[in-house]
């Protein structure tokens, strides 16, 4: 497939889903800067590309500050759990970390990196940056790519009642164009918009993550 070369003189947004790119461009048109647009774009990708992006993962920024010519890198990757040690895994009979297990999960860095970058470089209110992600989490059409991924990973998704209820409604994978609803994710984004990263790393959300991993 041939795609035309896209050119511009002021700004450009590239993302893996058109809704995310449109959101980032809208933020720029409304006066936001590149960091504002990046956060908003990434938030929408959490919704439209859940197999590739998520607030349970990491974020990395490479930011060019035009006024000073400085290039800034922000590392939003999480560390291994405090209680994780190679010896304890070996005692459980593991020679390597099982890829689909709680042992493979690092402390999520995404939400903290969003807020840290926003506090230092952002210009728009966080609730405006997360507005489109909230809207699409309430319901958006499933892309061909996501429909294919869900279909290929039915067995994994069906292991957890929560993921099955969201991504396998009625016990089957959605077709392209079906409306995918992620209302719990929308509620989480609303909480983050109001209370910031503390709502994710403390309180009910943190407890729910810990309980799930310990189950």
Protein backbone atom coordinates (compact mmCIF):
# COMPACT_ATOMS: atom_id res chain seq x y z
CA UNK A 1 0.00 0.00 0.00
CA UNK A 2 1.31 3.44 -0.97
CA UNK A 3 0.61 6.36 1.30
CA UNK A 4 1.26 9.92 0.19
CA UNK A 5 3.97 11.96 1.87
CA UNK A 6 2.40 14.33 4.39
CA UNK A 7 3.99 17.76 4.66
CA UNK A 8 3.42 20.73 6.93
CA UNK A 9 4.97 23.93 8.19
CA UNK A 10 3.75 24.28 11.79
CA UNK A 11 2.92 20.96 13.43
CA UNK A 12 2.23 17.30 12.78
CA UNK A 13 0.71 14.45 14.77
CA UNK A 14 1.48 10.81 14.02
CA UNK A 15 -0.34 8.02 15.86
CA UNK A 16 -1.47 4.46 15.30
CA UNK A 17 -5.17 5.36 15.20
CA UNK A 18 -6.88 8.25 13.37
CA UNK A 19 -8.98 9.24 16.39
CA UNK A 20 -5.79 9.73 18.39
CA UNK A 21 -4.16 11.79 15.65
CA UNK A 22 -7.29 13.93 15.34
CA UNK A 23 -7.30 14.53 19.08
CA UNK A 24 -3.66 15.63 19.10
CA UNK A 25 -4.23 17.97 16.16
CA UNK A 26 -7.30 19.45 17.86
CA UNK A 27 -5.27 20.19 20.99
CA UNK A 28 -2.69 22.03 18.89
CA UNK A 29 -5.40 24.01 17.07
CA UNK A 30 -6.82 25.08 20.44
CA UNK A 31 -3.49 26.53 21.50
CA UNK A 32 -1.94 23.58 23.30
CA UNK A 33 1.70 22.70 22.83
CA UNK A 34 3.37 19.46 21.78
CA UNK A 35 3.39 18.03 25.31
CA UNK A 36 -0.33 18.73 25.70
CA UNK A 37 -0.98 17.06 22.35
CA UNK A 38 1.21 14.07 23.18
CA UNK A 39 -0.63 13.38 26.44
CA UNK A 40 -4.05 13.70 24.82
CA UNK A 41 -3.00 11.53 21.87
CA UNK A 42 -1.56 8.85 24.13
CA UNK A 43 -4.69 8.82 26.28
CA UNK A 44 -6.86 8.13 23.23
CA UNK A 45 -4.49 5.36 22.14
CA UNK A 46 -5.11 3.78 25.56
CA UNK A 47 -8.71 3.43 24.43
CA UNK A 48 -8.42 2.67 20.72
CA UNK A 49 -5.23 0.56 20.87
CA UNK A 50 -5.56 -1.25 24.22
CA UNK A 51 -3.35 -4.07 22.94
CA UNK A 52 -0.51 -1.58 22.38
CA UNK A 53 -0.99 1.24 24.90
CA UNK A 54 -2.23 1.45 28.46
CA UNK A 55 -1.94 3.31 31.74
CA UNK A 56 -0.50 0.09 33.14
CA UNK A 57 2.59 0.62 30.98
CA UNK A 58 5.39 3.11 30.40
CA UNK A 59 5.89 6.44 28.62
CA UNK A 60 9.02 8.02 27.18
CA UNK A 61 9.31 11.65 26.08
CA UNK A 62 11.83 13.29 23.77
CA UNK A 63 11.01 17.00 23.89
CA UNK A 64 12.57 19.84 21.93
CA UNK A 65 12.35 23.20 23.69
CA UNK A 66 12.33 25.72 20.86
CA UNK A 67 13.08 28.75 23.03
CA UNK A 68 16.34 27.36 24.37
CA UNK A 69 17.22 24.76 21.75
CA UNK A 70 17.41 22.20 24.55
CA UNK A 71 16.40 18.56 24.06
CA UNK A 72 14.82 16.89 27.10
CA UNK A 73 14.30 13.17 27.66
CA UNK A 74 11.85 11.97 30.30
CA UNK A 75 11.93 8.32 31.34
CA UNK A 76 8.51 7.13 32.42
CA UNK A 77 9.36 3.46 32.79
CA UNK A 78 8.45 1.59 35.95
CA UNK A 79 10.70 -0.49 38.13
CA UNK A 80 10.31 -4.10 39.13
CA UNK A 81 8.16 -4.64 42.24
CA UNK A 82 9.95 -4.00 45.51
CA UNK A 83 9.46 -7.58 46.63
CA UNK A 84 10.66 -9.18 43.39
CA UNK A 85 13.97 -11.06 43.62
CA UNK A 86 15.59 -13.61 41.29
CA UNK A 87 16.03 -16.00 44.22
CA UNK A 88 12.31 -16.08 45.00
CA UNK A 89 11.50 -16.87 41.36
CA UNK A 90 14.04 -19.69 41.29
CA UNK A 91 12.52 -21.09 44.47
CA UNK A 92 9.19 -21.23 42.64
CA UNK A 93 10.82 -23.25 39.86
CA UNK A 94 11.23 -20.48 37.27
CA UNK A 95 14.35 -20.17 35.13
CA UNK A 96 12.92 -17.08 33.45
CA UNK A 97 10.07 -14.68 34.13
CA UNK A 98 6.76 -16.06 32.77
CA UNK A 99 5.65 -13.44 30.21
CA UNK A 100 1.94 -13.58 31.04
CA UNK A 101 2.13 -13.45 34.80
CA UNK A 102 2.20 -11.00 37.67
CA UNK A 103 5.95 -11.52 37.85
CA UNK A 104 6.36 -9.82 34.46
CA UNK A 105 4.56 -6.65 35.55
CA UNK A 106 6.55 -3.55 36.46
CA UNK A 107 5.26 -0.56 38.40
CA UNK A 108 3.26 1.48 35.83
CA UNK A 109 5.06 4.68 34.87
CA UNK A 110 2.60 6.13 32.36
CA UNK A 111 0.34 8.16 34.64
CA UNK A 112 3.23 9.63 36.63
CA UNK A 113 5.03 10.57 33.42
CA UNK A 114 1.91 12.25 32.05
CA UNK A 115 1.59 14.45 35.11
CA UNK A 116 5.30 15.16 35.51
CA UNK A 117 5.61 16.32 31.89
CA UNK A 118 2.35 18.25 32.12
CA UNK A 119 3.35 20.08 35.30
CA UNK A 120 6.66 21.15 33.79
CA UNK A 121 5.75 21.80 30.16
CA UNK A 122 1.97 21.55 29.69
CA UNK A 123 -0.33 24.52 29.18
CA UNK A 124 -3.90 23.16 29.03
CA UNK A 125 -6.00 21.74 31.89
CA UNK A 126 -5.69 17.98 32.30
CA UNK A 127 -9.45 17.48 32.09
CA UNK A 128 -9.38 18.95 28.59
CA UNK A 129 -6.48 16.72 27.58
CA UNK A 130 -8.35 13.60 28.71
CA UNK A 131 -11.78 14.62 27.42
CA UNK A 132 -11.60 12.75 24.10
CA UNK A 133 -10.19 9.62 25.76
CA UNK A 134 -13.12 9.64 28.18
CA UNK A 135 -15.60 10.13 25.33
CA UNK A 136 -14.18 7.29 23.25
CA UNK A 137 -13.91 4.99 26.28
CA UNK A 138 -17.68 5.31 26.65
CA UNK A 139 -17.95 3.82 23.17
CA UNK A 140 -16.07 3.88 19.86
CA UNK A 141 -16.02 1.70 16.71
CA UNK A 142 -13.60 -1.23 16.78
CA UNK A 143 -10.90 -0.97 14.12
CA UNK A 144 -10.01 -3.86 11.81
CA UNK A 145 -6.64 -4.16 13.56
CA UNK A 146 -8.11 -4.37 17.05
CA UNK A 147 -10.83 -6.79 15.95
CA UNK A 148 -8.17 -9.06 14.46
CA UNK A 149 -6.02 -8.90 17.59
CA UNK A 150 -8.93 -9.72 19.91
CA UNK A 151 -9.94 -12.62 17.69
CA UNK A 152 -6.40 -14.02 17.73
CA UNK A 153 -6.13 -13.71 21.53
CA UNK A 154 -9.56 -14.93 22.63
CA UNK A 155 -8.11 -17.63 24.83
CA UNK A 156 -5.94 -15.21 26.81
CA UNK A 157 -8.69 -12.61 27.15
CA UNK A 158 -11.21 -15.21 28.29
CA UNK A 159 -9.07 -16.19 31.29
CA UNK A 160 -10.07 -13.04 33.17
CA UNK A 161 -13.78 -12.26 33.64
CA UNK A 162 -13.10 -8.51 33.46
CA UNK A 163 -11.27 -8.60 30.13
CA UNK A 164 -13.76 -11.10 28.73
CA UNK A 165 -16.68 -8.83 29.62
CA UNK A 166 -15.07 -5.89 27.82
CA UNK A 167 -13.40 -7.44 24.80
CA UNK A 168 -15.53 -10.57 24.31
CA UNK A 169 -19.08 -9.29 24.83
CA UNK A 170 -21.57 -12.10 24.48
CA UNK A 171 -18.67 -14.54 24.48
CA UNK A 172 -17.35 -13.59 21.04
CA UNK A 173 -14.81 -11.13 19.64
CA UNK A 174 -16.25 -7.92 18.20
CA UNK A 175 -16.45 -7.30 14.48
CA UNK A 176 -14.90 -4.22 12.87
CA UNK A 177 -17.28 -1.33 13.42
CA UNK A 178 -18.87 -2.79 16.55
CA UNK A 179 -18.96 -0.35 19.45
CA UNK A 180 -16.43 -1.13 22.17
CA UNK A 181 -17.29 0.25 25.61
CA UNK A 182 -14.69 0.61 28.36
CA UNK A 183 -16.66 2.42 31.04
CA UNK A 184 -14.31 1.54 33.90
CA UNK A 185 -11.46 3.09 31.92
CA UNK A 186 -13.57 6.20 31.32
CA UNK A 187 -14.23 6.44 35.06
CA UNK A 188 -10.50 6.05 35.75
CA UNK A 189 -9.65 8.87 33.35
CA UNK A 190 -12.24 11.11 35.01
CA UNK A 191 -10.62 10.41 38.37
CA UNK A 192 -7.16 11.18 36.98
CA UNK A 193 -8.45 14.43 35.48
CA UNK A 194 -9.77 15.50 38.89
CA UNK A 195 -7.15 14.18 41.30
CA UNK A 196 -4.01 13.55 39.25
CA UNK A 197 -1.50 10.75 39.64
CA UNK A 198 -2.13 10.28 43.36
CA UNK A 199 -5.50 8.76 42.42
CA UNK A 200 -3.65 6.05 40.49
CA UNK A 201 -0.79 5.24 42.85
CA UNK A 202 -2.78 5.53 46.08
CA UNK A 203 -6.26 4.53 47.10
CA UNK A 204 -8.80 2.37 45.28
CA UNK A 205 -7.06 2.05 41.91
CA UNK A 206 -3.72 1.06 43.44
CA UNK A 207 -5.44 -1.40 45.76
CA UNK A 208 -7.37 -2.96 42.87
CA UNK A 209 -4.16 -3.41 40.86
CA UNK A 210 -2.36 -4.98 43.81
CA UNK A 211 -5.25 -7.31 44.60
CA UNK A 212 -5.47 -8.47 41.00
CA UNK A 213 -1.75 -9.20 40.79
CA UNK A 214 -1.78 -11.04 44.11
CA UNK A 215 -4.80 -13.17 43.24
